[in-house]
PDB file of N, CA and C in Angstrom:
ATOM      1  N   MET A   1      33.174 -12.794  27.461  1.00  0.00           N
ATOM      2  CA  MET A   1      32.316 -11.635  27.417  1.00  0.00           C
ATOM      3  C   MET A   1      31.838 -11.423  25.989  1.00  0.00           C
ATOM      4  N   SER A   2      30.571 -11.137  25.828  1.00  0.00           N
ATOM      5  CA  SER A   2      30.009 -10.896  24.503  1.00  0.00           C
ATOM      6  C   SER A   2      30.410  -9.530  23.975  1.00  0.00           C
ATOM      7  N   LYS A   3      30.490  -9.459  22.668  1.00  0.00           N
ATOM      8  CA  LYS A   3      30.718  -8.183  22.004  1.00  0.00           C
ATOM      9  C   LYS A   3      29.387  -7.758  21.397  1.00  0.00           C
ATOM     10  N   LEU A   4      29.025  -6.497  21.566  1.00  0.00           N
ATOM     11  CA  LEU A   4      27.776  -5.985  21.006  1.00  0.00           C
ATOM     12  C   LEU A   4      28.074  -5.154  19.766  1.00  0.00           C
ATOM     13  N   GLU A   5      27.323  -5.417  18.710  1.00  0.00           N
ATOM     14  CA  GLU A   5      27.419  -4.640  17.476  1.00  0.00           C
ATOM     15  C   GLU A   5      26.151  -3.801  17.359  1.00  0.00           C
ATOM     16  N   HIS A   6      26.292  -2.586  16.885  1.00  0.00           N
ATOM     17  CA  HIS A   6      25.172  -1.684  16.690  1.00  0.00           C
ATOM     18  C   HIS A   6      25.150  -1.234  15.226  1.00  0.00           C
ATOM     19  N   PRO A   7      24.666  -2.099  14.320  1.00  0.00           N
ATOM     20  CA  PRO A   7      24.599  -1.710  12.911  1.00  0.00           C
ATOM     21  C   PRO A   7      23.679  -0.501  12.726  1.00  0.00           C
ATOM     22  N   ARG A   8      23.960   0.289  11.715  1.00  0.00           N
ATOM     23  CA  ARG A   8      23.119   1.452  11.390  1.00  0.00           C
ATOM     24  C   ARG A   8      22.512   1.208  10.006  1.00  0.00           C
ATOM     25  N   PRO A   9      21.391   0.483   9.951  1.00  0.00           N
ATOM     26  CA  PRO A   9      20.826   0.089   8.667  1.00  0.00           C
ATOM     27  C   PRO A   9      20.305   1.252   7.842  1.00  0.00           C
ATOM     28  N   GLN A  10      20.605   1.207   6.539  1.00  0.00           N
ATOM     29  CA  GLN A  10      20.030   2.155   5.593  1.00  0.00           C
ATOM     30  C   GLN A  10      18.521   1.957   5.611  1.00  0.00           C
ATOM     31  N   GLY A  11      17.761   3.022   5.534  1.00  0.00           N
ATOM     32  CA  GLY A  11      16.319   2.923   5.464  1.00  0.00           C
ATOM     33  C   GLY A  11      15.616   3.065   6.802  1.00  0.00           C
ATOM     34  N   LEU A  12      16.377   3.084   7.907  1.00  0.00           N
ATOM     35  CA  LEU A  12      15.785   3.282   9.228  1.00  0.00           C
ATOM     36  C   LEU A  12      16.281   4.594   9.820  1.00  0.00           C
ATOM     37  N   LEU A  13      15.420   5.239  10.591  1.00  0.00           N
ATOM     38  CA  LEU A  13      15.780   6.471  11.276  1.00  0.00           C
ATOM     39  C   LEU A  13      16.956   6.209  12.215  1.00  0.00           C
ATOM     40  N   HIS A  14      17.976   7.036  12.147  1.00  0.00           N
ATOM     41  CA  HIS A  14      19.110   6.938  13.070  1.00  0.00           C
ATOM     42  C   HIS A  14      18.845   7.891  14.223  1.00  0.00           C
ATOM     43  N   ASN A  15      18.786   7.338  15.436  1.00  0.00           N
ATOM     44  CA  ASN A  15      18.457   8.112  16.615  1.00  0.00           C
ATOM     45  C   ASN A  15      19.557   7.887  17.647  1.00  0.00           C
ATOM     46  N   ALA A  16      20.120   8.949  18.169  1.00  0.00           N
ATOM     47  CA  ALA A  16      21.207   8.828  19.138  1.00  0.00           C
ATOM     48  C   ALA A  16      20.729   8.260  20.475  1.00  0.00           C
ATOM     49  N   ALA A  17      19.424   8.283  20.729  1.00  0.00           N
ATOM     50  CA  ALA A  17      18.893   7.831  22.013  1.00  0.00           C
ATOM     51  C   ALA A  17      18.793   6.314  22.126  1.00  0.00           C
ATOM     52  N   PHE A  18      18.740   5.606  20.994  1.00  0.00           N
ATOM     53  CA  PHE A  18      18.614   4.146  21.047  1.00  0.00           C
ATOM     54  C   PHE A  18      19.114   3.541  19.756  1.00  0.00           C
ATOM     55  N   SER A  19      19.338   2.231  19.785  1.00  0.00           N
ATOM     56  CA  SER A  19      19.760   1.496  18.594  1.00  0.00           C
ATOM     57  C   SER A  19      18.569   0.763  18.003  1.00  0.00           C
ATOM     58  N   GLN A  20      18.419   0.799  16.680  1.00  0.00           N
ATOM     59  CA  GLN A  20      17.350   0.066  16.016  1.00  0.00           C
ATOM     60  C   GLN A  20      17.601  -1.436  16.079  1.00  0.00           C
ATOM     61  N   VAL A  21      18.869  -1.812  16.141  1.00  0.00           N
ATOM     62  CA  VAL A  21      19.223  -3.233  16.169  1.00  0.00           C
ATOM     63  C   VAL A  21      20.552  -3.396  16.910  1.00  0.00           C
ATOM     64  N   VAL A  22      20.655  -4.457  17.711  1.00  0.00           N
ATOM     65  CA  VAL A  22      21.886  -4.795  18.417  1.00  0.00           C
ATOM     66  C   VAL A  22      22.154  -6.278  18.191  1.00  0.00           C
ATOM     67  N   ALA A  23      23.379  -6.615  17.849  1.00  0.00           N
ATOM     68  CA  ALA A  23      23.760  -8.017  17.668  1.00  0.00           C
ATOM     69  C   ALA A  23      24.840  -8.347  18.691  1.00  0.00           C
ATOM     70  N   ALA A  24      24.605  -9.413  19.459  1.00  0.00           N
ATOM     71  CA  ALA A  24      25.579  -9.873  20.446  1.00  0.00           C
ATOM     72  C   ALA A  24      26.302 -11.091  19.887  1.00  0.00           C
ATOM     73  N   THR A  25      27.630 -11.062  19.894  1.00  0.00           N
ATOM     74  CA  THR A  25      28.398 -12.199  19.392  1.00  0.00           C
ATOM     75  C   THR A  25      28.653 -13.189  20.523  1.00  0.00           C
ATOM     76  N   GLY A  26      29.224 -14.294  20.181  1.00  0.00           N
ATOM     77  CA  GLY A  26      29.373 -15.415  21.110  1.00  0.00           C
ATOM     78  C   GLY A  26      28.314 -16.401  20.661  1.00  0.00           C
ATOM     79  N   THR A  27      27.304 -16.579  21.457  1.00  0.00           N
ATOM     80  CA  THR A  27      26.099 -17.241  20.963  1.00  0.00           C
ATOM     81  C   THR A  27      25.234 -16.105  20.464  1.00  0.00           C
ATOM     82  N   ARG A  28      25.291 -15.866  19.194  1.00  0.00           N
ATOM     83  CA  ARG A  28      24.727 -14.664  18.579  1.00  0.00           C
ATOM     84  C   ARG A  28      23.223 -14.562  18.779  1.00  0.00           C
ATOM     85  N   THR A  29      22.825 -13.477  19.391  1.00  0.00           N
ATOM     86  CA  THR A  29      21.424 -13.128  19.570  1.00  0.00           C
ATOM     87  C   THR A  29      21.258 -11.699  19.090  1.00  0.00           C
ATOM     88  N   ILE A  30      20.203 -11.439  18.377  1.00  0.00           N
ATOM     89  CA  ILE A  30      19.957 -10.106  17.829  1.00  0.00           C
ATOM     90  C   ILE A  30      18.689  -9.561  18.457  1.00  0.00           C
ATOM     91  N   TYR A  31      18.766  -8.332  18.929  1.00  0.00           N
ATOM     92  CA  TYR A  31      17.613  -7.647  19.501  1.00  0.00           C
ATOM     93  C   TYR A  31      17.327  -6.409  18.658  1.00  0.00           C
ATOM     94  N   THR A  32      16.089  -6.208  18.315  1.00  0.00           N
ATOM     95  CA  THR A  32      15.720  -4.992  17.591  1.00  0.00           C
ATOM     96  C   THR A  32      14.899  -4.100  18.503  1.00  0.00           C
ATOM     97  N   ALA A  33      14.960  -2.826  18.253  1.00  0.00           N
ATOM     98  CA  ALA A  33      14.103  -1.879  18.971  1.00  0.00           C
ATOM     99  C   ALA A  33      12.666  -2.077  18.513  1.00  0.00           C
ATOM    100  N   GLY A  34      11.727  -1.634  19.324  1.00  0.00           N
ATOM    101  CA  GLY A  34      10.326  -1.655  18.908  1.00  0.00           C
ATOM    102  C   GLY A  34      10.171  -0.789  17.673  1.00  0.00           C
ATOM    103  N   GLN A  35       9.569  -1.329  16.642  1.00  0.00           N
ATOM    104  CA  GLN A  35       9.462  -0.605  15.377  1.00  0.00           C
ATOM    105  C   GLN A  35       8.066  -0.005  15.218  1.00  0.00           C
ATOM    106  N   VAL A  36       8.016   1.184  14.681  1.00  0.00           N
ATOM    107  CA  VAL A  36       6.767   1.875  14.371  1.00  0.00           C
ATOM    108  C   VAL A  36       6.801   2.269  12.909  1.00  0.00           C
ATOM    109  N   SER A  37       5.716   2.829  12.410  1.00  0.00           N
ATOM    110  CA  SER A  37       5.630   3.139  10.974  1.00  0.00           C
ATOM    111  C   SER A  37       6.256   4.502  10.666  1.00  0.00           C
ATOM    112  N   ILE A  38       7.536   4.612  10.985  1.00  0.00           N
ATOM    113  CA  ILE A  38       8.299   5.825  10.699  1.00  0.00           C
ATOM    114  C   ILE A  38       9.422   5.461   9.739  1.00  0.00           C
ATOM    115  N   ASP A  39       9.610   6.293   8.727  1.00  0.00           N
ATOM    116  CA  ASP A  39      10.658   6.018   7.741  1.00  0.00           C
ATOM    117  C   ASP A  39      11.995   6.583   8.210  1.00  0.00           C
ATOM    118  N   GLU A  40      13.015   6.450   7.360  1.00  0.00           N
ATOM    119  CA  GLU A  40      14.361   6.872   7.742  1.00  0.00           C
ATOM    120  C   GLU A  40      14.494   8.371   7.952  1.00  0.00           C
ATOM    121  N   ARG A  41      13.539   9.155   7.477  1.00  0.00           N
ATOM    122  CA  ARG A  41      13.546  10.605   7.689  1.00  0.00           C
ATOM    123  C   ARG A  41      12.782  10.984   8.950  1.00  0.00           C
ATOM    124  N   GLY A  42      12.188   9.980   9.642  1.00  0.00           N
ATOM    125  CA  GLY A  42      11.419  10.253  10.846  1.00  0.00           C
ATOM    126  C   GLY A  42       9.978  10.631  10.569  1.00  0.00           C
ATOM    127  N   GLU A  43       9.524  10.381   9.327  1.00  0.00           N
ATOM    128  CA  GLU A  43       8.163  10.739   8.944  1.00  0.00           C
ATOM    129  C   GLU A  43       7.224   9.545   9.092  1.00  0.00           C
ATOM    130  N   LEU A  44       6.010   9.811   9.595  1.00  0.00           N
ATOM    131  CA  LEU A  44       5.002   8.777   9.745  1.00  0.00           C
ATOM    132  C   LEU A  44       4.553   8.287   8.375  1.00  0.00           C
ATOM    133  N   VAL A  45       4.463   6.985   8.216  1.00  0.00           N
ATOM    134  CA  VAL A  45       4.005   6.366   6.965  1.00  0.00           C
ATOM    135  C   VAL A  45       2.632   5.756   7.225  1.00  0.00           C
ATOM    136  N   GLY A  46       1.639   6.120   6.422  1.00  0.00           N
ATOM    137  CA  GLY A  46       0.320   5.508   6.498  1.00  0.00           C
ATOM    138  C   GLY A  46      -0.555   5.998   7.631  1.00  0.00           C
ATOM    139  N   ALA A  47      -0.543   7.279   7.901  1.00  0.00           N
ATOM    140  CA  ALA A  47      -1.382   7.822   8.976  1.00  0.00           C
ATOM    141  C   ALA A  47      -2.832   7.372   8.793  1.00  0.00           C
ATOM    142  N   GLY A  48      -3.403   6.758   9.826  1.00  0.00           N
ATOM    143  CA  GLY A  48      -4.786   6.314   9.785  1.00  0.00           C
ATOM    144  C   GLY A  48      -5.033   5.042   8.996  1.00  0.00           C
ATOM    145  N   ASP A  49      -3.974   4.402   8.486  1.00  0.00           N
ATOM    146  CA  ASP A  49      -4.118   3.209   7.647  1.00  0.00           C
ATOM    147  C   ASP A  49      -3.295   2.066   8.252  1.00  0.00           C
ATOM    148  N   LEU A  50      -3.980   1.174   8.984  1.00  0.00           N
ATOM    149  CA  LEU A  50      -3.289   0.097   9.695  1.00  0.00           C
ATOM    150  C   LEU A  50      -2.488  -0.804   8.765  1.00  0.00           C
ATOM    151  N   ALA A  51      -3.027  -1.116   7.596  1.00  0.00           N
ATOM    152  CA  ALA A  51      -2.308  -1.997   6.664  1.00  0.00           C
ATOM    153  C   ALA A  51      -0.998  -1.360   6.198  1.00  0.00           C
ATOM    154  N   THR A  52      -1.048  -0.094   5.828  1.00  0.00           N
ATOM    155  CA  THR A  52       0.157   0.605   5.363  1.00  0.00           C
ATOM    156  C   THR A  52       1.161   0.751   6.491  1.00  0.00           C
ATOM    157  N   GLN A  53       0.679   1.050   7.689  1.00  0.00           N
ATOM    158  CA  GLN A  53       1.575   1.155   8.836  1.00  0.00           C
ATOM    159  C   GLN A  53       2.236  -0.186   9.130  1.00  0.00           C
ATOM    160  N   THR A  54       1.467  -1.266   9.050  1.00  0.00           N
ATOM    161  CA  THR A  54       2.020  -2.607   9.303  1.00  0.00           C
ATOM    162  C   THR A  54       3.089  -2.947   8.278  1.00  0.00           C
ATOM    163  N   GLU A  55       2.849  -2.612   7.019  1.00  0.00           N
ATOM    164  CA  GLU A  55       3.855  -2.852   5.977  1.00  0.00           C
ATOM    165  C   GLU A  55       5.149  -2.112   6.294  1.00  0.00           C
ATOM    166  N   GLN A  56       5.050  -0.852   6.730  1.00  0.00           N
ATOM    167  CA  GLN A  56       6.247  -0.077   7.056  1.00  0.00           C
ATOM    168  C   GLN A  56       6.965  -0.676   8.266  1.00  0.00           C
ATOM    169  N   VAL A  57       6.202  -1.064   9.285  1.00  0.00           N
ATOM    170  CA  VAL A  57       6.808  -1.671  10.469  1.00  0.00           C
ATOM    171  C   VAL A  57       7.582  -2.931  10.085  1.00  0.00           C
ATOM    172  N   MET A  58       6.969  -3.793   9.292  1.00  0.00           N
ATOM    173  CA  MET A  58       7.643  -5.034   8.903  1.00  0.00           C
ATOM    174  C   MET A  58       8.829  -4.754   7.989  1.00  0.00           C
ATOM    175  N   ARG A  59       8.745  -3.722   7.157  1.00  0.00           N
ATOM    176  CA  ARG A  59       9.890  -3.311   6.341  1.00  0.00           C
ATOM    177  C   ARG A  59      11.036  -2.893   7.272  1.00  0.00           C
ATOM    178  N   ASN A  60      10.709  -2.118   8.315  1.00  0.00           N
ATOM    179  CA  ASN A  60      11.727  -1.678   9.274  1.00  0.00           C
ATOM    180  C   ASN A  60      12.350  -2.866  10.002  1.00  0.00           C
ATOM    181  N   VAL A  61      11.529  -3.825  10.418  1.00  0.00           N
ATOM    182  CA  VAL A  61      12.049  -5.027  11.080  1.00  0.00           C
ATOM    183  C   VAL A  61      13.000  -5.760  10.139  1.00  0.00           C
ATOM    184  N   GLY A  62      12.597  -5.916   8.883  1.00  0.00           N
ATOM    185  CA  GLY A  62      13.439  -6.595   7.899  1.00  0.00           C
ATOM    186  C   GLY A  62      14.765  -5.889   7.689  1.00  0.00           C
ATOM    187  N   LEU A  63      14.753  -4.559   7.631  1.00  0.00           N
ATOM    188  CA  LEU A  63      15.989  -3.793   7.468  1.00  0.00           C
ATOM    189  C   LEU A  63      16.905  -3.963   8.673  1.00  0.00           C
ATOM    190  N   ALA A  64      16.321  -3.938   9.866  1.00  0.00           N
ATOM    191  CA  ALA A  64      17.118  -4.113  11.085  1.00  0.00           C
ATOM    192  C   ALA A  64      17.736  -5.503  11.118  1.00  0.00           C
ATOM    193  N   LEU A  65      16.952  -6.530  10.790  1.00  0.00           N
ATOM    194  CA  LEU A  65      17.476  -7.898  10.781  1.00  0.00           C
ATOM    195  C   LEU A  65      18.589  -8.051   9.747  1.00  0.00           C
ATOM    196  N   ALA A  66      18.363  -7.541   8.549  1.00  0.00           N
ATOM    197  CA  ALA A  66      19.363  -7.658   7.477  1.00  0.00           C
ATOM    198  C   ALA A  66      20.670  -6.979   7.865  1.00  0.00           C
ATOM    199  N   ALA A  67      20.581  -5.857   8.572  1.00  0.00           N
ATOM    200  CA  ALA A  67      21.793  -5.138   8.986  1.00  0.00           C
ATOM    201  C   ALA A  67      22.642  -5.974   9.931  1.00  0.00           C
ATOM    202  N   ALA A  68      22.007  -6.912  10.617  1.00  0.00           N
ATOM    203  CA  ALA A  68      22.727  -7.787  11.547  1.00  0.00           C
ATOM    204  C   ALA A  68      22.993  -9.162  10.938  1.00  0.00           C
ATOM    205  N   GLY A  69      22.731  -9.311   9.634  1.00  0.00           N
ATOM    206  CA  GLY A  69      22.995 -10.567   8.957  1.00  0.00           C
ATOM    207  C   GLY A  69      21.941 -11.625   9.191  1.00  0.00           C
ATOM    208  N   ALA A  70      20.729 -11.224   9.483  1.00  0.00           N
ATOM    209  CA  ALA A  70      19.636 -12.159   9.752  1.00  0.00           C
ATOM    210  C   ALA A  70      18.443 -11.832   8.869  1.00  0.00           C
ATOM    211  N   GLY A  71      17.429 -12.672   8.946  1.00  0.00           N
ATOM    212  CA  GLY A  71      16.195 -12.452   8.197  1.00  0.00           C
ATOM    213  C   GLY A  71      15.019 -12.965   9.000  1.00  0.00           C
ATOM    214  N   PHE A  72      13.838 -12.859   8.436  1.00  0.00           N
ATOM    215  CA  PHE A  72      12.632 -13.280   9.151  1.00  0.00           C
ATOM    216  C   PHE A  72      12.662 -14.764   9.518  1.00  0.00           C
ATOM    217  N   GLY A  73      13.371 -15.579   8.761  1.00  0.00           N
ATOM    218  CA  GLY A  73      13.489 -16.995   9.080  1.00  0.00           C
ATOM    219  C   GLY A  73      14.270 -17.261  10.358  1.00  0.00           C
ATOM    220  N   ASP A  74      15.004 -16.262  10.831  1.00  0.00           N
ATOM    221  CA  ASP A  74      15.790 -16.399  12.052  1.00  0.00           C
ATOM    222  C   ASP A  74      15.037 -15.903  13.285  1.00  0.00           C
ATOM    223  N   VAL A  75      13.868 -15.318  13.094  1.00  0.00           N
ATOM    224  CA  VAL A  75      13.124 -14.715  14.202  1.00  0.00           C
ATOM    225  C   VAL A  75      12.517 -15.798  15.085  1.00  0.00           C
ATOM    226  N   VAL A  76      12.681 -15.640  16.382  1.00  0.00           N
ATOM    227  CA  VAL A  76      12.109 -16.557  17.356  1.00  0.00           C
ATOM    228  C   VAL A  76      10.789 -16.013  17.888  1.00  0.00           C
ATOM    229  N   LYS A  77      10.702 -14.698  18.080  1.00  0.00           N
ATOM    230  CA  LYS A  77       9.508 -14.110  18.674  1.00  0.00           C
ATOM    231  C   LYS A  77       9.312 -12.688  18.179  1.00  0.00           C
ATOM    232  N   ILE A  78       8.065 -12.366  17.875  1.00  0.00           N
ATOM    233  CA  ILE A  78       7.657 -10.989  17.563  1.00  0.00           C
ATOM    234  C   ILE A  78       6.415 -10.696  18.388  1.00  0.00           C
ATOM    235  N   THR A  79       6.379  -9.532  19.010  1.00  0.00           N
ATOM    236  CA  THR A  79       5.192  -9.066  19.710  1.00  0.00           C
ATOM    237  C   THR A  79       4.651  -7.867  18.948  1.00  0.00           C
ATOM    238  N   THR A  80       3.369  -7.878  18.657  1.00  0.00           N
ATOM    239  CA  THR A  80       2.743  -6.803  17.890  1.00  0.00           C
ATOM    240  C   THR A  80       1.649  -6.145  18.713  1.00  0.00           C
ATOM    241  N   TYR A  81       1.684  -4.836  18.783  1.00  0.00           N
ATOM    242  CA  TYR A  81       0.645  -4.056  19.438  1.00  0.00           C
ATOM    243  C   TYR A  81      -0.041  -3.195  18.392  1.00  0.00           C
ATOM    244  N   THR A  82      -1.361  -3.142  18.445  1.00  0.00           N
ATOM    245  CA  THR A  82      -2.111  -2.268  17.541  1.00  0.00           C
ATOM    246  C   THR A  82      -3.107  -1.456  18.355  1.00  0.00           C
ATOM    247  N   SER A  83      -3.558  -0.378  17.782  1.00  0.00           N
ATOM    248  CA  SER A  83      -4.560   0.460  18.418  1.00  0.00           C
ATOM    249  C   SER A  83      -5.680   0.714  17.411  1.00  0.00           C
ATOM    250  N   LEU A  84      -6.901   0.591  17.844  1.00  0.00           N
ATOM    251  CA  LEU A  84      -8.038   0.835  16.969  1.00  0.00           C
ATOM    252  C   LEU A  84      -8.493   2.285  17.007  1.00  0.00           C
ATOM    253  N   ARG A  85      -7.925   3.068  17.893  1.00  0.00           N
ATOM    254  CA  ARG A  85      -8.347   4.465  17.982  1.00  0.00           C
ATOM    255  C   ARG A  85      -7.577   5.308  16.972  1.00  0.00           C
ATOM    256  N   LYS A  86      -8.192   6.373  16.537  1.00  0.00           N
ATOM    257  CA  LYS A  86      -7.509   7.279  15.616  1.00  0.00           C
ATOM    258  C   LYS A  86      -6.569   8.164  16.397  1.00  0.00           C
ATOM    259  N   CYS A  87      -5.344   8.280  15.875  1.00  0.00           N
ATOM    260  CA  CYS A  87      -4.337   9.104  16.554  1.00  0.00           C
ATOM    261  C   CYS A  87      -4.125  10.390  15.805  1.00  0.00           C
TER     262      CYS A  87
END
Protein backbone atom coordinates (compact mmCIF):
# COMPACT_ATOMS: atom_id res chain seq x y z
CA MET A 1 0.00 0.00 0.00
CA SER A 2 1.30 3.45 -0.88
CA LYS A 3 1.88 6.11 1.71
CA LEU A 4 0.69 9.62 0.83
CA GLU A 5 2.60 12.69 1.96
CA HIS A 6 0.98 16.13 2.03
CA PRO A 7 3.81 18.68 2.24
CA ARG A 8 2.84 22.24 3.17
CA PRO A 9 5.20 24.35 1.05
CA GLN A 10 6.23 27.82 2.17
CA GLY A 11 4.99 30.41 -0.31
CA LEU A 12 1.71 28.67 -1.20
CA LEU A 13 -1.72 29.30 0.28
CA HIS A 14 -2.59 26.65 2.87
CA ASN A 15 -6.20 25.58 2.40
CA ALA A 16 -7.92 22.96 4.55
CA ALA A 17 -10.16 21.96 1.61
CA PHE A 18 -7.36 20.56 -0.57
CA SER A 19 -3.64 19.85 -0.76
CA GLN A 20 -1.39 21.90 -3.04
CA VAL A 21 0.83 18.86 -3.50
CA VAL A 22 0.61 15.13 -2.70
CA ALA A 23 3.50 12.67 -2.94
CA ALA A 24 2.82 8.93 -3.08
CA THR A 25 5.66 6.63 -2.00
CA GLY A 26 6.39 3.21 -3.40
CA THR A 27 6.76 4.06 -7.03
CA ARG A 28 6.82 7.74 -6.20
CA THR A 29 4.37 9.88 -8.11
CA ILE A 30 3.65 13.48 -7.21
CA TYR A 31 0.36 15.22 -7.94
CA THR A 32 -0.12 18.95 -7.56
CA ALA A 33 -3.38 20.83 -7.28
CA GLY A 34 -4.37 23.10 -10.14
CA GLN A 35 -2.41 26.29 -9.58
CA VAL A 36 -3.70 29.83 -10.10
CA SER A 37 -2.03 33.22 -9.66
CA ILE A 38 -2.71 33.45 -5.93
CA ASP A 39 0.07 34.00 -3.42
CA GLU A 40 0.47 32.43 0.02
CA ARG A 41 -1.82 35.08 1.55
CA GLY A 42 -4.61 34.18 -0.91
CA GLU A 43 -4.18 37.41 -2.87
CA LEU A 44 -4.45 37.56 -6.67
CA VAL A 45 -1.13 38.38 -8.36
CA GLY A 46 -1.17 40.21 -11.70
CA ALA A 47 -4.85 41.03 -12.15
CA GLY A 48 -5.44 41.57 -15.88
CA ASP A 49 -1.82 40.67 -16.77
CA LEU A 50 -1.45 37.19 -18.28
CA ALA A 51 2.36 37.24 -18.18
CA THR A 52 2.49 38.14 -14.47
CA GLN A 53 -0.20 35.60 -13.65
CA THR A 54 1.69 32.90 -15.57
CA GLU A 55 4.88 33.71 -13.65
CA GLN A 56 3.03 33.34 -10.34
CA VAL A 57 1.40 30.08 -11.43
CA MET A 58 4.76 28.60 -12.44
CA ARG A 59 6.32 29.87 -9.19
CA ASN A 60 3.53 28.04 -7.31
CA VAL A 61 4.11 24.85 -9.33
CA GLY A 62 7.84 25.06 -8.56
CA LEU A 63 7.19 25.51 -4.83
CA ALA A 64 4.81 22.55 -4.77
CA LEU A 65 7.30 20.34 -6.63
CA ALA A 66 10.21 21.39 -4.40
CA ALA A 67 8.17 20.60 -1.28
CA ALA A 68 7.91 17.02 -2.53
CA GLY A 69 11.59 16.80 -3.47
CA ALA A 70 11.07 17.28 -7.21
CA GLY A 71 11.62 19.96 -9.83
CA PHE A 72 10.49 20.90 -13.31
CA GLY A 73 12.88 18.31 -14.77
CA ASP A 74 10.77 15.60 -13.13
CA VAL A 75 7.47 16.78 -14.66
CA VAL A 76 5.81 14.41 -17.10
CA LYS A 77 2.75 16.49 -17.98
CA ILE A 78 1.39 19.99 -17.44
CA THR A 79 -1.99 21.20 -18.66
CA THR A 80 -2.46 24.96 -18.97
CA TYR A 81 -5.75 26.79 -19.32
CA THR A 82 -5.95 30.50 -20.13
CA SER A 83 -8.79 32.92 -20.64
CA LEU A 84 -8.72 35.94 -22.93
CA ARG A 85 -11.66 37.61 -21.25
CA LYS A 86 -11.22 40.17 -18.52
CA CYS A 87 -12.23 38.90 -15.11
